[in-house]
C-alpha atoms as a PDB file:
ATOM      1  CA  MET A   1     112.323  92.984 142.899  1.00  0.00           C
ATOM      2  CA  THR A   2     112.111  93.949 139.234  1.00  0.00           C
ATOM      3  CA  GLY A   3     109.293  92.339 137.293  1.00  0.00           C
ATOM      4  CA  PHE A   4     109.195  90.876 133.805  1.00  0.00           C
ATOM      5  CA  VAL A   5     107.419  91.844 130.582  1.00  0.00           C
ATOM      6  CA  SER A   6     105.939  89.431 128.048  1.00  0.00           C
ATOM      7  CA  PHE A   7     105.107  90.960 124.686  1.00  0.00           C
ATOM      8  CA  VAL A   8     102.203  88.721 123.733  1.00  0.00           C
ATOM      9  CA  SER A   9     100.899  88.646 120.172  1.00  0.00           C
ATOM     10  CA  SER A  10      97.133  88.169 120.264  1.00  0.00           C
ATOM     11  CA  GLY A  11      96.598  87.418 116.572  1.00  0.00           C
ATOM     12  CA  PRO A  12      93.714  89.083 114.728  1.00  0.00           C
ATOM     13  CA  GLY A  13      91.243  88.839 117.614  1.00  0.00           C
ATOM     14  CA  ASP A  14      89.768  85.343 117.640  1.00  0.00           C
ATOM     15  CA  PRO A  15      90.799  83.775 120.974  1.00  0.00           C
ATOM     16  CA  ASP A  16      91.006  80.372 119.272  1.00  0.00           C
ATOM     17  CA  LEU A  17      94.037  81.684 117.361  1.00  0.00           C
ATOM     18  CA  LEU A  18      96.072  82.428 120.485  1.00  0.00           C
ATOM     19  CA  THR A  19      99.129  80.273 121.104  1.00  0.00           C
ATOM     20  CA  LEU A  20      99.347  78.121 124.221  1.00  0.00           C
ATOM     21  CA  LYS A  21     102.233  80.250 125.450  1.00  0.00           C
ATOM     22  CA  ALA A  22     100.161  83.420 125.012  1.00  0.00           C
ATOM     23  CA  VAL A  23      97.353  81.968 127.132  1.00  0.00           C
ATOM     24  CA  ASP A  24      99.827  80.881 129.802  1.00  0.00           C
ATOM     25  CA  ARG A  25     101.308  84.377 130.084  1.00  0.00           C
ATOM     26  CA  LEU A  26      97.883  85.994 130.259  1.00  0.00           C
ATOM     27  CA  ARG A  27      96.833  83.677 133.068  1.00  0.00           C
ATOM     28  CA  GLY A  28      99.946  84.506 135.072  1.00  0.00           C
ATOM     29  CA  ALA A  29     100.051  88.285 134.563  1.00  0.00           C
ATOM     30  CA  ASP A  30      99.626  90.864 137.306  1.00  0.00           C
ATOM     31  CA  ALA A  31      98.879  93.510 134.691  1.00  0.00           C
ATOM     32  CA  VAL A  32      97.789  93.400 131.050  1.00  0.00           C
ATOM     33  CA  LEU A  33      98.340  96.460 128.887  1.00  0.00           C
ATOM     34  CA  TYR A  34      96.280  95.772 125.795  1.00  0.00           C
ATOM     35  CA  ASP A  35      95.700  97.208 122.351  1.00  0.00           C
ATOM     36  CA  ASP A  36      92.217  98.077 121.119  1.00  0.00           C
ATOM     37  CA  LEU A  37      92.110  95.097 118.774  1.00  0.00           C
ATOM     38  CA  SER A  38      93.222  92.726 121.531  1.00  0.00           C
ATOM     39  CA  ALA A  39      90.275  93.463 123.803  1.00  0.00           C
ATOM     40  CA  GLY A  40      87.054  91.469 124.124  1.00  0.00           C
ATOM     41  CA  PRO A  41      87.105  87.718 124.696  1.00  0.00           C
ATOM     42  CA  ILE A  42      90.903  87.482 124.722  1.00  0.00           C
ATOM     43  CA  LEU A  43      90.991  89.342 128.034  1.00  0.00           C
ATOM     44  CA  ALA A  44      88.919  86.568 129.595  1.00  0.00           C
ATOM     45  CA  PHE A  45      92.162  84.579 129.887  1.00  0.00           C
ATOM     46  CA  ALA A  46      93.572  87.122 132.345  1.00  0.00           C
ATOM     47  CA  ARG A  47      93.396  86.043 135.976  1.00  0.00           C
ATOM     48  CA  ASP A  48      90.948  87.578 138.429  1.00  0.00           C
ATOM     49  CA  GLY A  49      92.469  90.626 140.062  1.00  0.00           C
ATOM     50  CA  ALA A  50      94.884  91.489 137.266  1.00  0.00           C
ATOM     51  CA  ASP A  51      95.022  95.133 136.216  1.00  0.00           C
ATOM     52  CA  LEU A  52      93.588  95.489 132.708  1.00  0.00           C
ATOM     53  CA  VAL A  53      94.749  98.722 131.094  1.00  0.00           C
ATOM     54  CA  SER A  54      93.720  99.880 127.621  1.00  0.00           C
ATOM     55  CA  VAL A  55      96.594 101.536 125.775  1.00  0.00           C
ATOM     56  CA  GLY A  56      95.327 101.038 122.231  1.00  0.00           C
ATOM     57  CA  LYS A  57      95.619 103.465 119.363  1.00  0.00           C
ATOM     58  CA  ARG A  58      92.966 103.885 116.683  1.00  0.00           C
ATOM     59  CA  ALA A  59      92.978 106.412 113.852  1.00  0.00           C
ATOM     60  CA  GLY A  60      90.699 109.363 114.471  1.00  0.00           C
ATOM     61  CA  ARG A  61      90.201 108.563 118.150  1.00  0.00           C
ATOM     62  CA  PRO A  62      91.855 109.908 121.306  1.00  0.00           C
ATOM     63  CA  SER A  63      94.824 107.640 122.026  1.00  0.00           C
ATOM     64  CA  PRO A  64      97.610 107.512 124.600  1.00  0.00           C
ATOM     65  CA  ARG A  65     101.012 108.804 123.518  1.00  0.00           C
ATOM     66  CA  GLN A  66     103.617 106.153 122.844  1.00  0.00           C
ATOM     67  CA  ASP A  67     105.978 107.543 125.483  1.00  0.00           C
ATOM     68  CA  SER A  68     103.164 107.296 128.032  1.00  0.00           C
ATOM     69  CA  VAL A  69     102.576 103.644 127.124  1.00  0.00           C
ATOM     70  CA  SER A  70     106.282 102.854 127.433  1.00  0.00           C
ATOM     71  CA  ARG A  71     106.472 104.668 130.781  1.00  0.00           C
ATOM     72  CA  LEU A  72     103.498 102.732 132.124  1.00  0.00           C
ATOM     73  CA  LEU A  73     105.086  99.467 131.015  1.00  0.00           C
ATOM     74  CA  VAL A  74     108.319 100.328 132.811  1.00  0.00           C
ATOM     75  CA  ASP A  75     106.530 101.503 135.964  1.00  0.00           C
ATOM     76  CA  TYR A  76     104.557  98.274 136.348  1.00  0.00           C
ATOM     77  CA  ALA A  77     107.609  96.076 135.799  1.00  0.00           C
ATOM     78  CA  ALA A  78     109.845  98.208 138.013  1.00  0.00           C
ATOM     79  CA  GLY A  79     107.346  97.613 140.810  1.00  0.00           C
ATOM     80  CA  GLY A  80     107.823  93.848 140.502  1.00  0.00           C
ATOM     81  CA  ALA A  81     104.790  93.012 138.373  1.00  0.00           C
ATOM     82  CA  ARG A  82     104.577  90.299 135.769  1.00  0.00           C
ATOM     83  CA  VAL A  83     103.333  92.321 132.824  1.00  0.00           C
ATOM     84  CA  VAL A  84     101.742  91.263 129.555  1.00  0.00           C
ATOM     85  CA  ARG A  85     101.902  93.817 126.779  1.00  0.00           C
ATOM     86  CA  LEU A  86      99.132  92.455 124.579  1.00  0.00           C
ATOM     87  CA  LYS A  87      99.504  93.449 120.928  1.00  0.00           C
ATOM     88  CA  SER A  88      97.230  92.665 118.007  1.00  0.00           C
ATOM     89  CA  GLY A  89      98.340  90.464 115.139  1.00  0.00           C
ATOM     90  CA  ASP A  90     102.029  89.692 115.486  1.00  0.00           C
ATOM     91  CA  ALA A  91     103.790  92.109 117.822  1.00  0.00           C
ATOM     92  CA  GLY A  92     106.673  92.628 115.409  1.00  0.00           C
ATOM     93  CA  ILE A  93     104.559  93.878 112.487  1.00  0.00           C
ATOM     94  CA  PHE A  94     103.684  97.589 112.661  1.00  0.00           C
ATOM     95  CA  GLY A  95     103.193  97.382 116.420  1.00  0.00           C
ATOM     96  CA  ARG A  96     105.796  99.853 117.760  1.00  0.00           C
ATOM     97  CA  LEU A  97     107.459  96.938 119.481  1.00  0.00           C
ATOM     98  CA  GLU A  98     110.958  98.365 119.065  1.00  0.00           C
ATOM     99  CA  GLU A  99     110.126 101.582 120.942  1.00  0.00           C
ATOM    100  CA  GLU A 100     108.808  99.672 123.935  1.00  0.00           C
ATOM    101  CA  ILE A 101     111.769  97.293 123.933  1.00  0.00           C
ATOM    102  CA  ALA A 102     114.097 100.310 123.974  1.00  0.00           C
ATOM    103  CA  ALA A 103     112.345 101.687 127.061  1.00  0.00           C
ATOM    104  CA  LEU A 104     112.705  98.346 128.860  1.00  0.00           C
ATOM    105  CA  HIS A 105     116.340  98.049 127.854  1.00  0.00           C
ATOM    106  CA  THR A 106     117.086 101.511 129.268  1.00  0.00           C
ATOM    107  CA  ALA A 107     115.354 100.545 132.517  1.00  0.00           C
ATOM    108  CA  ARG A 108     117.174  97.181 132.586  1.00  0.00           C
ATOM    109  CA  ILE A 109     113.952  95.201 132.651  1.00  0.00           C
ATOM    110  CA  ALA A 110     113.923  91.686 131.187  1.00  0.00           C
ATOM    111  CA  PHE A 111     111.363  90.727 128.564  1.00  0.00           C
ATOM    112  CA  GLU A 112     110.321  88.093 126.044  1.00  0.00           C
ATOM    113  CA  ILE A 113     108.467  88.225 122.729  1.00  0.00           C
ATOM    114  CA  ILE A 114     105.760  85.685 121.960  1.00  0.00           C
ATOM    115  CA  PRO A 115     104.837  85.583 118.258  1.00  0.00           C
ATOM    116  CA  GLY A 116     101.310  85.265 116.969  1.00  0.00           C
ATOM    117  CA  VAL A 117      99.191  84.881 113.832  1.00  0.00           C
ATOM    118  CA  PRO A 118      99.703  87.969 111.637  1.00  0.00           C
ATOM    119  CA  SER A 119      96.426  89.544 110.541  1.00  0.00           C
ATOM    120  CA  ALA A 120      97.586  89.282 106.923  1.00  0.00           C
ATOM    121  CA  CYS A 121      97.784  85.499 107.223  1.00  0.00           C
ATOM    122  CA  ALA A 122      94.432  85.371 109.012  1.00  0.00           C
ATOM    123  CA  ALA A 123      92.799  87.471 106.299  1.00  0.00           C
ATOM    124  CA  ALA A 124      94.146  85.265 103.522  1.00  0.00           C
ATOM    125  CA  ALA A 125      92.978  82.159 105.387  1.00  0.00           C
ATOM    126  CA  ALA A 126      89.524  83.649 105.914  1.00  0.00           C
ATOM    127  CA  ALA A 127      89.290  84.241 102.157  1.00  0.00           C
ATOM    128  CA  ASN A 128      90.616  80.742 101.428  1.00  0.00           C
ATOM    129  CA  LEU A 129      93.658  82.190  99.688  1.00  0.00           C
ATOM    130  CA  PRO A 130      97.367  81.414  99.697  1.00  0.00           C
ATOM    131  CA  LEU A 131      99.703  84.400  99.876  1.00  0.00           C
ATOM    132  CA  THR A 132     102.183  82.856  97.437  1.00  0.00           C
ATOM    133  CA  ARG A 133     102.098  80.756  94.292  1.00  0.00           C
ATOM    134  CA  ARG A 134     104.901  79.252  92.267  1.00  0.00           C
ATOM    135  CA  LEU A 135     105.837  81.327  89.224  1.00  0.00           C
ATOM    136  CA  THR A 136     103.102  83.971  89.576  1.00  0.00           C
ATOM    137  CA  ALA A 137     103.353  85.214  93.187  1.00  0.00           C
ATOM    138  CA  ARG A 138     106.828  84.491  94.496  1.00  0.00           C
ATOM    139  CA  ARG A 139     107.081  87.461  96.844  1.00  0.00           C
ATOM    140  CA  VAL A 140     104.994  88.875  99.681  1.00  0.00           C
ATOM    141  CA  GLN A 141     105.427  92.429 100.936  1.00  0.00           C
ATOM    142  CA  PHE A 142     103.840  94.161 103.936  1.00  0.00           C
ATOM    143  CA  ILE A 143     103.517  97.957 104.083  1.00  0.00           C
ATOM    144  CA  THR A 144     101.802 100.488 106.288  1.00  0.00           C
ATOM    145  CA  GLY A 145      99.294 102.756 104.588  1.00  0.00           C
ATOM    146  CA  HIS A 146      99.965 105.802 106.724  1.00  0.00           C
ATOM    147  CA  ASP A 147     102.827 107.693 108.305  1.00  0.00           C
ATOM    148  CA  THR A 148     102.921 109.233 111.784  1.00  0.00           C
ATOM    149  CA  ALA A 149     100.669 112.061 110.589  1.00  0.00           C
ATOM    150  CA  GLY A 150      98.122 109.720 109.026  1.00  0.00           C
ATOM    151  CA  ALA A 151      99.088 110.483 105.420  1.00  0.00           C
ATOM    152  CA  LEU A 152     100.372 108.113 102.761  1.00  0.00           C
ATOM    153  CA  PRO A 153     104.132 107.698 103.348  1.00  0.00           C
ATOM    154  CA  GLU A 154     106.172 109.627 100.811  1.00  0.00           C
ATOM    155  CA  ASP A 155     109.105 107.215 100.716  1.00  0.00           C
ATOM    156  CA  LEU A 156     107.292 104.100  99.494  1.00  0.00           C
ATOM    157  CA  ASN A 157     109.097 101.953  96.937  1.00  0.00           C
ATOM    158  CA  LEU A 158     106.477 102.320  94.219  1.00  0.00           C
ATOM    159  CA  THR A 159     108.409 100.165  91.758  1.00  0.00           C
ATOM    160  CA  ALA A 160     108.199  97.233  94.160  1.00  0.00           C
ATOM    161  CA  LEU A 161     104.589  97.968  95.071  1.00  0.00           C
ATOM    162  CA  ALA A 162     103.556  98.030  91.410  1.00  0.00           C
ATOM    163  CA  ASP A 163     105.079  94.588  90.813  1.00  0.00           C
ATOM    164  CA  ALA A 164     102.283  92.527  89.269  1.00  0.00           C
ATOM    165  CA  ALA A 165     103.956  89.295  90.371  1.00  0.00           C
ATOM    166  CA  ALA A 166     103.942  90.117  94.096  1.00  0.00           C
ATOM    167  CA  THR A 167     101.315  89.834  96.799  1.00  0.00           C
ATOM    168  CA  THR A 168     101.106  93.127  98.666  1.00  0.00           C
ATOM    169  CA  VAL A 169      99.411  93.617 102.022  1.00  0.00           C
ATOM    170  CA  VAL A 170      98.550  97.150 103.107  1.00  0.00           C
ATOM    171  CA  PHE A 171      98.039  97.629 106.847  1.00  0.00           C
ATOM    172  CA  MET A 172      96.048 100.639 108.091  1.00  0.00           C
ATOM    173  CA  GLY A 173      95.476 101.811 104.549  1.00  0.00           C
ATOM    174  CA  LYS A 174      91.772 102.411 103.969  1.00  0.00           C
ATOM    175  CA  ARG A 175      91.972 106.205 104.114  1.00  0.00           C
ATOM    176  CA  THR A 176      95.062 106.479 101.930  1.00  0.00           C
ATOM    177  CA  PHE A 177      94.421 103.680  99.457  1.00  0.00           C
ATOM    178  CA  PRO A 178      92.847 105.950  96.789  1.00  0.00           C
ATOM    179  CA  ALA A 179      96.091 107.952  96.691  1.00  0.00           C
ATOM    180  CA  LEU A 180      98.207 104.800  96.717  1.00  0.00           C
ATOM    181  CA  ALA A 181      96.165 103.200  93.933  1.00  0.00           C
ATOM    182  CA  ALA A 182      96.576 106.292  91.768  1.00  0.00           C
ATOM    183  CA  LYS A 183     100.355 106.065  92.147  1.00  0.00           C
ATOM    184  CA  LEU A 184     100.356 102.329  91.430  1.00  0.00           C
ATOM    185  CA  ILE A 185      98.288 102.723  88.285  1.00  0.00           C
ATOM    186  CA  ALA A 186     100.501 105.602  87.146  1.00  0.00           C
ATOM    187  CA  GLY A 187     103.459 103.284  87.745  1.00  0.00           C
ATOM    188  CA  GLY A 188     102.085 100.651  85.391  1.00  0.00           C
ATOM    189  CA  LEU A 189      99.992  98.349  87.601  1.00  0.00           C
ATOM    190  CA  SER A 190      96.667  97.547  85.955  1.00  0.00           C
ATOM    191  CA  ARG A 191      93.620  99.066  87.640  1.00  0.00           C
ATOM    192  CA  ASP A 192      92.052  95.608  87.186  1.00  0.00           C
ATOM    193  CA  THR A 193      94.619  94.013  89.518  1.00  0.00           C
ATOM    194  CA  PRO A 194      92.661  91.848  91.992  1.00  0.00           C
ATOM    195  CA  ALA A 195      92.240  93.262  95.496  1.00  0.00           C
ATOM    196  CA  LEU A 196      90.723  92.021  98.733  1.00  0.00           C
ATOM    197  CA  LEU A 197      89.410  94.299 101.469  1.00  0.00           C
ATOM    198  CA  ALA A 198      89.324  92.358 104.737  1.00  0.00           C
ATOM    199  CA  GLU A 199      87.576  94.087 107.641  1.00  0.00           C
ATOM    200  CA  ALA A 200      87.328  92.913 111.268  1.00  0.00           C
ATOM    201  CA  VAL A 201      89.248  89.742 110.411  1.00  0.00           C
ATOM    202  CA  SER A 202      88.312  86.737 112.603  1.00  0.00           C
ATOM    203  CA  HIS A 203      85.637  88.711 114.466  1.00  0.00           C
ATOM    204  CA  PRO A 204      81.894  87.935 114.240  1.00  0.00           C
ATOM    205  CA  ASP A 205      81.350  90.994 112.024  1.00  0.00           C
ATOM    206  CA  GLN A 206      84.133  90.056 109.580  1.00  0.00           C
ATOM    207  CA  GLN A 207      83.606  91.303 106.020  1.00  0.00           C
ATOM    208  CA  LEU A 208      85.562  90.234 102.932  1.00  0.00           C
ATOM    209  CA  ARG A 209      85.216  92.059  99.639  1.00  0.00           C
ATOM    210  CA  ARG A 210      86.868  90.792  96.464  1.00  0.00           C
ATOM    211  CA  THR A 211      87.324  93.571  93.938  1.00  0.00           C
ATOM    212  CA  THR A 212      90.070  95.361  91.958  1.00  0.00           C
ATOM    213  CA  ILE A 213      92.429  98.135  92.990  1.00  0.00           C
ATOM    214  CA  GLY A 214      90.575 100.596  90.735  1.00  0.00           C
ATOM    215  CA  GLU A 215      87.141  99.770  92.080  1.00  0.00           C
ATOM    216  CA  LEU A 216      88.359  99.631  95.680  1.00  0.00           C
ATOM    217  CA  ALA A 217      90.005 103.031  95.391  1.00  0.00           C
ATOM    218  CA  GLN A 218      86.736 104.520  94.163  1.00  0.00           C
ATOM    219  CA  ALA A 219      84.743 102.860  96.939  1.00  0.00           C
ATOM    220  CA  LEU A 220      87.119 103.984  99.700  1.00  0.00           C
ATOM    221  CA  ALA A 221      87.185 107.529  98.314  1.00  0.00           C
ATOM    222  CA  ARG A 222      83.451 107.619  99.021  1.00  0.00           C
ATOM    223  CA  GLU A 223      83.376 105.825 102.378  1.00  0.00           C
ATOM    224  CA  THR A 224      85.966 104.122 104.544  1.00  0.00           C
ATOM    225  CA  GLY A 225      83.903 103.043 107.539  1.00  0.00           C
ATOM    226  CA  SER A 226      85.321 102.514 111.016  1.00  0.00           C
ATOM    227  CA  ALA A 227      86.106  98.784 111.021  1.00  0.00           C
ATOM    228  CA  PRO A 228      89.804  97.820 111.268  1.00  0.00           C
ATOM    229  CA  ALA A 229      90.954  96.457 107.939  1.00  0.00           C
ATOM    230  CA  LEU A 230      93.785  95.505 105.678  1.00  0.00           C
ATOM    231  CA  ILE A 231      94.011  95.326 101.911  1.00  0.00           C
ATOM    232  CA  ILE A 232      95.615  92.558  99.884  1.00  0.00           C
ATOM    233  CA  TYR A 233      96.276  93.078  96.194  1.00  0.00           C
ATOM    234  CA  GLY A 234      98.097  91.068  93.573  1.00  0.00           C
ATOM    235  CA  PRO A 235      97.579  88.039  91.319  1.00  0.00           C
ATOM    236  CA  LEU A 236      95.994  85.871  94.055  1.00  0.00           C
ATOM    237  CA  ALA A 237      93.704  88.376  95.762  1.00  0.00           C
ATOM    238  CA  GLY A 238      90.747  87.688  93.512  1.00  0.00           C
ATOM    239  CA  ASP A 239      90.964  83.910  93.926  1.00  0.00           C
ATOM    240  CA  GLY A 240      89.490  81.780  96.660  1.00  0.00           C
ATOM    241  CA  VAL A 241      86.011  80.466  97.146  1.00  0.00           C
ATOM    242  CA  ASP A 242      83.650  80.727 100.067  1.00  0.00           C
ATOM    243  CA  ALA A 243      83.837  77.760 102.427  1.00  0.00           C
ATOM    244  CA  GLN A 244      80.925  75.351 102.414  1.00  0.00           C
END
């Protein structure tokens, strides 16, 4: 009998941010194929005896090929297993969800998608920030900071990204942000535009740094570090106060 796949969004990593449906699927899974950022305490919800398989990808580290991950997903489900594909943040945001869905569709395997807390929303909440504001930040845009080769994508809409009235969130962009910032400043965005570097969001070693795009570009040109991070820049990124 063919199994079933649940694409479960794990949020930014804090198990308290999981949805009830996500916990239910983890507890009922025969196999959990998890991303790097979905490991740790979240896996404690998996039942005893479930196969726990790391399929995560991290820049600069050996990682499984996407076709191998999709094949593994199909093989487990084709054998009758209830499978959780555990993805960090929200599965639909820069998570290669579409490629894995295509593999299941070809194999005629049923699936569901369970949404989760996007890391961008978790980062803004951790910094006590909204992502929008009437009149001054009416638009939010999410971009990836690197292409399949790890470089800054060449087809970015720089006019939109240099919009001073938008909140922009850059995923996986620490290594390429100096190049992006140079293009933004050349496109008219002030180097003093507020920016927030959010590392290890919702984890015990979380770090938040409020700065500007100019200063952040200089800092990341010197050292990027290994912690997973995203960057928020725009009119609201410098606001917020530390919680009491």
